[in-house]
C-alpha atoms as a PDB file:
ATOM      1  CA  UNK A   1    -130.173   1.763 309.444  1.00  0.00           C
ATOM      2  CA  UNK A   2    -126.728   1.364 307.887  1.00  0.00           C
ATOM      3  CA  UNK A   3    -124.631   4.166 306.413  1.00  0.00           C
ATOM      4  CA  UNK A   4    -123.803   4.013 302.706  1.00  0.00           C
ATOM      5  CA  UNK A   5    -120.477   5.657 303.579  1.00  0.00           C
ATOM      6  CA  UNK A   6    -118.742   7.053 306.664  1.00  0.00           C
ATOM      7  CA  UNK A   7    -118.467  10.864 306.473  1.00  0.00           C
ATOM      8  CA  UNK A   8    -115.040  12.003 307.659  1.00  0.00           C
ATOM      9  CA  UNK A   9    -112.960  15.171 307.440  1.00  0.00           C
ATOM     10  CA  UNK A  10    -109.384  14.486 306.333  1.00  0.00           C
ATOM     11  CA  UNK A  11    -106.617  16.989 307.108  1.00  0.00           C
ATOM     12  CA  UNK A  12    -104.573  17.265 303.899  1.00  0.00           C
ATOM     13  CA  UNK A  13    -102.334  20.247 304.657  1.00  0.00           C
ATOM     14  CA  UNK A  14     -98.873  19.392 303.318  1.00  0.00           C
ATOM     15  CA  UNK A  15     -99.857  15.815 302.432  1.00  0.00           C
ATOM     16  CA  UNK A  16     -99.550  14.346 298.922  1.00  0.00           C
ATOM     17  CA  UNK A  17    -102.673  13.633 296.870  1.00  0.00           C
ATOM     18  CA  UNK A  18    -102.491  12.222 293.343  1.00  0.00           C
ATOM     19  CA  UNK A  19    -104.496  14.058 290.682  1.00  0.00           C
ATOM     20  CA  UNK A  20    -104.718  12.446 287.250  1.00  0.00           C
ATOM     21  CA  UNK A  21    -106.341  14.381 284.417  1.00  0.00           C
ATOM     22  CA  UNK A  22    -106.475  17.685 282.587  1.00  0.00           C
ATOM     23  CA  UNK A  23    -109.124  20.178 281.635  1.00  0.00           C
ATOM     24  CA  UNK A  24    -111.936  22.012 283.412  1.00  0.00           C
ATOM     25  CA  UNK A  25    -113.026  19.168 285.706  1.00  0.00           C
ATOM     26  CA  UNK A  26    -109.480  18.329 286.814  1.00  0.00           C
ATOM     27  CA  UNK A  27    -108.779  22.035 287.381  1.00  0.00           C
ATOM     28  CA  UNK A  28    -111.806  22.263 289.674  1.00  0.00           C
ATOM     29  CA  UNK A  29    -110.514  19.325 291.745  1.00  0.00           C
ATOM     30  CA  UNK A  30    -107.071  20.920 291.819  1.00  0.00           C
ATOM     31  CA  UNK A  31    -108.494  24.131 293.234  1.00  0.00           C
ATOM     32  CA  UNK A  32    -110.392  22.188 295.891  1.00  0.00           C
ATOM     33  CA  UNK A  33    -107.282  20.253 296.929  1.00  0.00           C
ATOM     34  CA  UNK A  34    -105.217  23.442 297.036  1.00  0.00           C
ATOM     35  CA  UNK A  35    -107.820  25.071 299.307  1.00  0.00           C
ATOM     36  CA  UNK A  36    -107.346  22.118 301.661  1.00  0.00           C
ATOM     37  CA  UNK A  37    -103.570  22.611 301.572  1.00  0.00           C
ATOM     38  CA  UNK A  38    -102.827  19.321 299.797  1.00  0.00           C
ATOM     39  CA  UNK A  39     -99.612  18.791 297.874  1.00  0.00           C
ATOM     40  CA  UNK A  40    -100.658  17.604 294.415  1.00  0.00           C
ATOM     41  CA  UNK A  41     -98.394  14.929 292.933  1.00  0.00           C
ATOM     42  CA  UNK A  42     -98.164  12.675 289.865  1.00  0.00           C
ATOM     43  CA  UNK A  43     -99.509   9.134 289.537  1.00  0.00           C
ATOM     44  CA  UNK A  44     -96.118   7.535 290.225  1.00  0.00           C
ATOM     45  CA  UNK A  45     -95.806   9.277 293.605  1.00  0.00           C
ATOM     46  CA  UNK A  46     -96.722   7.859 297.005  1.00  0.00           C
ATOM     47  CA  UNK A  47    -100.022   9.032 298.472  1.00  0.00           C
ATOM     48  CA  UNK A  48    -103.019   7.764 300.418  1.00  0.00           C
ATOM     49  CA  UNK A  49    -105.662   9.428 298.232  1.00  0.00           C
ATOM     50  CA  UNK A  50    -106.052   9.878 294.489  1.00  0.00           C
ATOM     51  CA  UNK A  51    -108.511  11.671 292.209  1.00  0.00           C
ATOM     52  CA  UNK A  52    -108.902  10.535 288.603  1.00  0.00           C
ATOM     53  CA  UNK A  53    -110.542  12.922 286.115  1.00  0.00           C
ATOM     54  CA  UNK A  54    -110.225  11.229 282.716  1.00  0.00           C
ATOM     55  CA  UNK A  55    -112.641   9.748 280.183  1.00  0.00           C
ATOM     56  CA  UNK A  56    -111.459   6.160 280.663  1.00  0.00           C
ATOM     57  CA  UNK A  57    -110.639   5.853 284.383  1.00  0.00           C
ATOM     58  CA  UNK A  58    -110.851   2.064 284.873  1.00  0.00           C
ATOM     59  CA  UNK A  59    -107.192   1.095 284.233  1.00  0.00           C
ATOM     60  CA  UNK A  60    -105.852   4.031 286.254  1.00  0.00           C
ATOM     61  CA  UNK A  61    -108.198   3.315 289.148  1.00  0.00           C
ATOM     62  CA  UNK A  62    -107.152  -0.349 289.109  1.00  0.00           C
ATOM     63  CA  UNK A  63    -103.454   0.578 289.244  1.00  0.00           C
ATOM     64  CA  UNK A  64    -103.930   3.025 292.106  1.00  0.00           C
ATOM     65  CA  UNK A  65    -106.111   0.649 294.104  1.00  0.00           C
ATOM     66  CA  UNK A  66    -103.505  -2.033 293.580  1.00  0.00           C
ATOM     67  CA  UNK A  67    -101.088   0.237 295.419  1.00  0.00           C
ATOM     68  CA  UNK A  68    -103.480   0.506 298.375  1.00  0.00           C
ATOM     69  CA  UNK A  69    -104.880   3.967 297.654  1.00  0.00           C
ATOM     70  CA  UNK A  70    -108.425   5.252 298.105  1.00  0.00           C
ATOM     71  CA  UNK A  71    -109.591   6.612 294.757  1.00  0.00           C
ATOM     72  CA  UNK A  72    -112.214   9.065 293.546  1.00  0.00           C
ATOM     73  CA  UNK A  73    -113.141   8.756 289.855  1.00  0.00           C
ATOM     74  CA  UNK A  74    -114.968  11.876 288.694  1.00  0.00           C
ATOM     75  CA  UNK A  75    -118.530  11.147 287.488  1.00  0.00           C
ATOM     76  CA  UNK A  76    -118.062   7.427 288.113  1.00  0.00           C
ATOM     77  CA  UNK A  77    -119.642   6.648 291.479  1.00  0.00           C
ATOM     78  CA  UNK A  78    -119.209   2.916 290.818  1.00  0.00           C
ATOM     79  CA  UNK A  79    -115.423   3.358 290.841  1.00  0.00           C
ATOM     80  CA  UNK A  80    -115.210   5.662 293.872  1.00  0.00           C
ATOM     81  CA  UNK A  81    -113.823   4.641 297.251  1.00  0.00           C
ATOM     82  CA  UNK A  82    -114.694   8.140 298.469  1.00  0.00           C
ATOM     83  CA  UNK A  83    -116.718  11.051 297.129  1.00  0.00           C
ATOM     84  CA  UNK A  84    -116.217  14.801 297.370  1.00  0.00           C
ATOM     85  CA  UNK A  85    -119.210  16.604 298.892  1.00  0.00           C
ATOM     86  CA  UNK A  86    -120.554  20.088 298.320  1.00  0.00           C
ATOM     87  CA  UNK A  87    -119.038  22.306 301.032  1.00  0.00           C
ATOM     88  CA  UNK A  88    -120.319  25.162 303.181  1.00  0.00           C
ATOM     89  CA  UNK A  89    -117.335  26.890 304.795  1.00  0.00           C
ATOM     90  CA  UNK A  90    -117.790  28.908 307.976  1.00  0.00           C
ATOM     91  CA  UNK A  91    -114.270  28.376 309.242  1.00  0.00           C
ATOM     92  CA  UNK A  92    -113.775  26.485 311.517  1.00  0.00           C
ATOM     93  CA  UNK A  93    -117.270  25.091 310.908  1.00  0.00           C
ATOM     94  CA  UNK A  94    -117.271  22.967 307.768  1.00  0.00           C
ATOM     95  CA  UNK A  95    -120.510  21.424 306.530  1.00  0.00           C
ATOM     96  CA  UNK A  96    -120.429  18.780 303.815  1.00  0.00           C
ATOM     97  CA  UNK A  97    -123.411  17.686 301.729  1.00  0.00           C
ATOM     98  CA  UNK A  98    -122.954  14.409 299.906  1.00  0.00           C
ATOM     99  CA  UNK A  99    -125.137  12.098 297.853  1.00  0.00           C
ATOM    100  CA  UNK A 100    -122.647   9.256 297.461  1.00  0.00           C
ATOM    101  CA  UNK A 101    -121.957  10.380 293.912  1.00  0.00           C
ATOM    102  CA  UNK A 102    -125.594   9.871 292.891  1.00  0.00           C
ATOM    103  CA  UNK A 103    -126.366  13.546 292.149  1.00  0.00           C
ATOM    104  CA  UNK A 104    -123.834  16.351 292.400  1.00  0.00           C
ATOM    105  CA  UNK A 105    -126.594  18.743 291.315  1.00  0.00           C
ATOM    106  CA  UNK A 106    -128.752  17.832 294.301  1.00  0.00           C
ATOM    107  CA  UNK A 107    -125.804  18.300 296.668  1.00  0.00           C
ATOM    108  CA  UNK A 108    -125.097  21.708 295.113  1.00  0.00           C
ATOM    109  CA  UNK A 109    -128.743  22.768 295.459  1.00  0.00           C
ATOM    110  CA  UNK A 110    -128.765  21.784 299.130  1.00  0.00           C
ATOM    111  CA  UNK A 111    -125.499  23.644 299.681  1.00  0.00           C
ATOM    112  CA  UNK A 112    -127.008  26.813 298.180  1.00  0.00           C
ATOM    113  CA  UNK A 113    -130.026  26.563 300.489  1.00  0.00           C
ATOM    114  CA  UNK A 114    -127.824  26.018 303.542  1.00  0.00           C
ATOM    115  CA  UNK A 115    -125.544  28.917 302.556  1.00  0.00           C
ATOM    116  CA  UNK A 116    -128.561  31.210 302.805  1.00  0.00           C
ATOM    117  CA  UNK A 117    -129.532  29.860 306.246  1.00  0.00           C
ATOM    118  CA  UNK A 118    -126.172  29.737 308.030  1.00  0.00           C
ATOM    119  CA  UNK A 119    -125.028  33.159 309.308  1.00  0.00           C
ATOM    120  CA  UNK A 120    -121.592  34.588 308.618  1.00  0.00           C
ATOM    121  CA  UNK A 121    -120.980  34.751 312.377  1.00  0.00           C
ATOM    122  CA  UNK A 122    -121.154  30.958 312.766  1.00  0.00           C
ATOM    123  CA  UNK A 123    -117.377  30.537 312.578  1.00  0.00           C
ATOM    124  CA  UNK A 124    -116.886  33.274 315.153  1.00  0.00           C
ATOM    125  CA  UNK A 125    -119.327  31.512 317.487  1.00  0.00           C
ATOM    126  CA  UNK A 126    -117.320  28.281 317.146  1.00  0.00           C
ATOM    127  CA  UNK A 127    -114.050  30.084 317.938  1.00  0.00           C
ATOM    128  CA  UNK A 128    -115.657  31.812 320.935  1.00  0.00           C
ATOM    129  CA  UNK A 129    -116.949  28.499 322.299  1.00  0.00           C
ATOM    130  CA  UNK A 130    -113.484  26.974 321.932  1.00  0.00           C
ATOM    131  CA  UNK A 131    -111.929  29.892 323.809  1.00  0.00           C
ATOM    132  CA  UNK A 132    -114.588  29.554 326.525  1.00  0.00           C
ATOM    133  CA  UNK A 133    -113.826  25.892 327.319  1.00  0.00           C
ATOM    134  CA  UNK A 134    -111.729  26.643 330.435  1.00  0.00           C
ATOM    135  CA  UNK A 135    -114.425  28.961 331.786  1.00  0.00           C
ATOM    136  CA  UNK A 136    -117.149  26.380 331.101  1.00  0.00           C
ATOM    137  CA  UNK A 137    -115.122  23.648 332.839  1.00  0.00           C
ATOM    138  CA  UNK A 138    -114.621  25.927 335.800  1.00  0.00           C
ATOM    139  CA  UNK A 139    -118.312  26.762 336.047  1.00  0.00           C
ATOM    140  CA  UNK A 140    -119.656  23.252 335.334  1.00  0.00           C
ATOM    141  CA  UNK A 141    -117.091  20.691 336.453  1.00  0.00           C
ATOM    142  CA  UNK A 142    -119.340  17.728 335.643  1.00  0.00           C
ATOM    143  CA  UNK A 143    -119.197  16.921 331.915  1.00  0.00           C
ATOM    144  CA  UNK A 144    -122.884  15.969 331.757  1.00  0.00           C
ATOM    145  CA  UNK A 145    -123.921  19.202 333.438  1.00  0.00           C
ATOM    146  CA  UNK A 146    -121.641  21.149 331.105  1.00  0.00           C
ATOM    147  CA  UNK A 147    -123.099  19.428 328.030  1.00  0.00           C
ATOM    148  CA  UNK A 148    -126.652  20.152 329.186  1.00  0.00           C
ATOM    149  CA  UNK A 149    -125.852  23.814 329.799  1.00  0.00           C
ATOM    150  CA  UNK A 150    -124.286  24.212 326.379  1.00  0.00           C
ATOM    151  CA  UNK A 151    -127.108  22.277 324.700  1.00  0.00           C
ATOM    152  CA  UNK A 152    -129.686  24.561 326.290  1.00  0.00           C
ATOM    153  CA  UNK A 153    -127.712  27.637 325.223  1.00  0.00           C
ATOM    154  CA  UNK A 154    -127.395  26.475 321.612  1.00  0.00           C
ATOM    155  CA  UNK A 155    -131.152  25.915 321.559  1.00  0.00           C
ATOM    156  CA  UNK A 156    -131.699  29.433 322.898  1.00  0.00           C
ATOM    157  CA  UNK A 157    -129.381  32.421 323.436  1.00  0.00           C
ATOM    158  CA  UNK A 158    -126.521  30.934 321.359  1.00  0.00           C
ATOM    159  CA  UNK A 159    -128.737  29.602 318.546  1.00  0.00           C
ATOM    160  CA  UNK A 160    -126.205  28.883 315.748  1.00  0.00           C
ATOM    161  CA  UNK A 161    -128.713  29.930 313.065  1.00  0.00           C
ATOM    162  CA  UNK A 162    -128.828  33.498 314.415  1.00  0.00           C
ATOM    163  CA  UNK A 163    -126.244  36.127 313.471  1.00  0.00           C
ATOM    164  CA  UNK A 164    -124.643  36.907 316.851  1.00  0.00           C
ATOM    165  CA  UNK A 165    -122.533  39.949 317.802  1.00  0.00           C
ATOM    166  CA  UNK A 166    -119.054  39.631 319.251  1.00  0.00           C
ATOM    167  CA  UNK A 167    -118.983  38.784 322.952  1.00  0.00           C
ATOM    168  CA  UNK A 168    -122.217  36.771 322.968  1.00  0.00           C
ATOM    169  CA  UNK A 169    -120.552  33.709 324.554  1.00  0.00           C
ATOM    170  CA  UNK A 170    -119.004  35.790 327.321  1.00  0.00           C
ATOM    171  CA  UNK A 171    -122.376  37.373 328.063  1.00  0.00           C
ATOM    172  CA  UNK A 172    -124.015  33.939 328.167  1.00  0.00           C
ATOM    173  CA  UNK A 173    -121.386  32.677 330.613  1.00  0.00           C
ATOM    174  CA  UNK A 174    -122.213  35.611 332.832  1.00  0.00           C
ATOM    175  CA  UNK A 175    -125.858  34.576 333.088  1.00  0.00           C
ATOM    176  CA  UNK A 176    -126.227  30.940 331.957  1.00  0.00           C
ATOM    177  CA  UNK A 177    -127.184  28.107 334.251  1.00  0.00           C
ATOM    178  CA  UNK A 178    -127.209  24.365 333.694  1.00  0.00           C
ATOM    179  CA  UNK A 179    -130.683  22.857 333.390  1.00  0.00           C
ATOM    180  CA  UNK A 180    -131.557  19.935 335.590  1.00  0.00           C
ATOM    181  CA  UNK A 181    -131.659  16.469 334.102  1.00  0.00           C
ATOM    182  CA  UNK A 182    -135.118  15.429 332.959  1.00  0.00           C
ATOM    183  CA  UNK A 183    -136.528  12.027 332.028  1.00  0.00           C
ATOM    184  CA  UNK A 184    -138.978  11.984 329.127  1.00  0.00           C
ATOM    185  CA  UNK A 185    -141.186   9.025 328.259  1.00  0.00           C
ATOM    186  CA  UNK A 186    -142.383   8.467 324.718  1.00  0.00           C
ATOM    187  CA  UNK A 187    -144.768   5.830 323.422  1.00  0.00           C
ATOM    188  CA  UNK A 188    -144.097   5.276 319.739  1.00  0.00           C
ATOM    189  CA  UNK A 189    -147.019   4.689 317.385  1.00  0.00           C
ATOM    190  CA  UNK A 190    -144.872   2.969 314.757  1.00  0.00           C
ATOM    191  CA  UNK A 191    -141.624   1.079 314.321  1.00  0.00           C
ATOM    192  CA  UNK A 192    -140.763   3.310 311.330  1.00  0.00           C
ATOM    193  CA  UNK A 193    -138.354   6.146 312.270  1.00  0.00           C
ATOM    194  CA  UNK A 194    -139.999   8.362 309.637  1.00  0.00           C
ATOM    195  CA  UNK A 195    -143.147   8.290 311.767  1.00  0.00           C
ATOM    196  CA  UNK A 196    -141.453   9.963 314.728  1.00  0.00           C
ATOM    197  CA  UNK A 197    -143.055  13.266 315.628  1.00  0.00           C
ATOM    198  CA  UNK A 198    -140.921  16.388 315.345  1.00  0.00           C
ATOM    199  CA  UNK A 199    -140.767  16.599 319.163  1.00  0.00           C
ATOM    200  CA  UNK A 200    -139.684  12.948 319.441  1.00  0.00           C
ATOM    201  CA  UNK A 201    -137.012  13.345 316.747  1.00  0.00           C
ATOM    202  CA  UNK A 202    -135.608  16.464 318.428  1.00  0.00           C
ATOM    203  CA  UNK A 203    -135.622  14.803 321.837  1.00  0.00           C
ATOM    204  CA  UNK A 204    -133.762  11.750 320.512  1.00  0.00           C
ATOM    205  CA  UNK A 205    -131.175  14.000 318.899  1.00  0.00           C
ATOM    206  CA  UNK A 206    -130.545  15.778 322.236  1.00  0.00           C
ATOM    207  CA  UNK A 207    -130.767  12.895 324.720  1.00  0.00           C
ATOM    208  CA  UNK A 208    -127.786  11.913 326.869  1.00  0.00           C
ATOM    209  CA  UNK A 209    -129.125   8.393 327.551  1.00  0.00           C
ATOM    210  CA  UNK A 210    -131.780   6.325 325.792  1.00  0.00           C
ATOM    211  CA  UNK A 211    -133.493   3.604 327.843  1.00  0.00           C
ATOM    212  CA  UNK A 212    -135.299   1.112 325.628  1.00  0.00           C
ATOM    213  CA  UNK A 213    -136.817  -2.344 325.449  1.00  0.00           C
ATOM    214  CA  UNK A 214    -135.391  -4.982 323.137  1.00  0.00           C
ATOM    215  CA  UNK A 215    -138.284  -4.527 320.711  1.00  0.00           C
ATOM    216  CA  UNK A 216    -137.435  -0.905 319.851  1.00  0.00           C
ATOM    217  CA  UNK A 217    -136.003  -1.066 316.295  1.00  0.00           C
ATOM    218  CA  UNK A 218    -132.378  -0.107 315.688  1.00  0.00           C
ATOM    219  CA  UNK A 219    -133.331   2.482 313.008  1.00  0.00           C
ATOM    220  CA  UNK A 220    -135.195   4.436 315.693  1.00  0.00           C
ATOM    221  CA  UNK A 221    -132.295   4.191 318.154  1.00  0.00           C
ATOM    222  CA  UNK A 222    -130.005   5.417 315.358  1.00  0.00           C
ATOM    223  CA  UNK A 223    -131.850   8.738 315.430  1.00  0.00           C
ATOM    224  CA  UNK A 224    -130.198   9.454 318.792  1.00  0.00           C
ATOM    225  CA  UNK A 225    -126.810  11.145 319.038  1.00  0.00           C
ATOM    226  CA  UNK A 226    -123.937   8.801 318.234  1.00  0.00           C
ATOM    227  CA  UNK A 227    -122.407   9.414 321.690  1.00  0.00           C
ATOM    228  CA  UNK A 228    -125.683   8.967 323.594  1.00  0.00           C
ATOM    229  CA  UNK A 229    -125.710   5.825 325.746  1.00  0.00           C
ATOM    230  CA  UNK A 230    -128.209   3.142 324.674  1.00  0.00           C
ATOM    231  CA  UNK A 231    -129.376   1.192 327.714  1.00  0.00           C
ATOM    232  CA  UNK A 232    -131.560  -1.870 327.249  1.00  0.00           C
ATOM    233  CA  UNK A 233    -134.159  -2.126 329.999  1.00  0.00           C
ATOM    234  CA  UNK A 234    -136.683  -4.913 329.431  1.00  0.00           C
ATOM    235  CA  UNK A 235    -138.398  -4.178 332.739  1.00  0.00           C
ATOM    236  CA  UNK A 236    -139.842  -0.975 331.270  1.00  0.00           C
ATOM    237  CA  UNK A 237    -143.614  -0.878 330.760  1.00  0.00           C
ATOM    238  CA  UNK A 238    -144.864  -1.619 327.269  1.00  0.00           C
ATOM    239  CA  UNK A 239    -147.033   0.582 325.132  1.00  0.00           C
ATOM    240  CA  UNK A 240    -150.481  -0.623 324.149  1.00  0.00           C
ATOM    241  CA  UNK A 241    -150.489  -2.926 321.118  1.00  0.00           C
ATOM    242  CA  UNK A 242    -147.038  -2.023 319.774  1.00  0.00           C
ATOM    243  CA  UNK A 243    -145.017  -2.220 322.964  1.00  0.00           C
ATOM    244  CA  UNK A 244    -142.556   0.449 321.783  1.00  0.00           C
ATOM    245  CA  UNK A 245    -141.500   2.612 324.676  1.00  0.00           C
ATOM    246  CA  UNK A 246    -138.540   4.996 325.147  1.00  0.00           C
ATOM    247  CA  UNK A 247    -137.245   6.882 328.151  1.00  0.00           C
ATOM    248  CA  UNK A 248    -134.856   9.738 327.343  1.00  0.00           C
ATOM    249  CA  UNK A 249    -132.582  11.374 329.899  1.00  0.00           C
ATOM    250  CA  UNK A 250    -131.984  14.862 328.607  1.00  0.00           C
ATOM    251  CA  UNK A 251    -132.382  18.594 329.009  1.00  0.00           C
ATOM    252  CA  UNK A 252    -135.831  19.779 330.059  1.00  0.00           C
END
């Protein structure tokens, strides 16, 4: 399953960004760029990114692209090299919801739902985990063991969807243990990733290594974490009829 676009977070503090346009829409983009710390400049200036908020953007977009810039044309997804998502800010956690310019209203509706779900303490949890890195490395020297311990904690006592008090990470470090590696075997009933059970989808998203036969479709393997190792193993047993079989090395 291919991505329509690659989601990235660009650090713009102190960097020039061209903004062309006036009025309410351009002002909204200006405020967004200023929140990111960008230095807003005119069309003739040098920059890597540009936002065009005018009624007839084609000639301006063509000029800017000709100078090697990535351009966003407001309300013209067909002219956009990048789009601006709806944002949920729990500094330093930043969650972006994008639709590739297809429906800003849908992205905004999803953002509003997520705002209600994500606790205000989420940013504090992220800062606490960052501060706890030396202690976690000291306790779990092996990176795999450390990742499993943290994964188990985030699925339990450090659940990021719960509003946690200060000091929760320190208390977890005082009691937490790393779960042993487990090997799960799934037989898939379909080659369609949308037919994965909830348990299978969660397991794929948490697995450290995915052992699979050649006949397991790429869209299913894409449901695993991007950094999870994919290991082809044609000697694995096949499932009845379909022959789709996965072994996942992961937390218990």
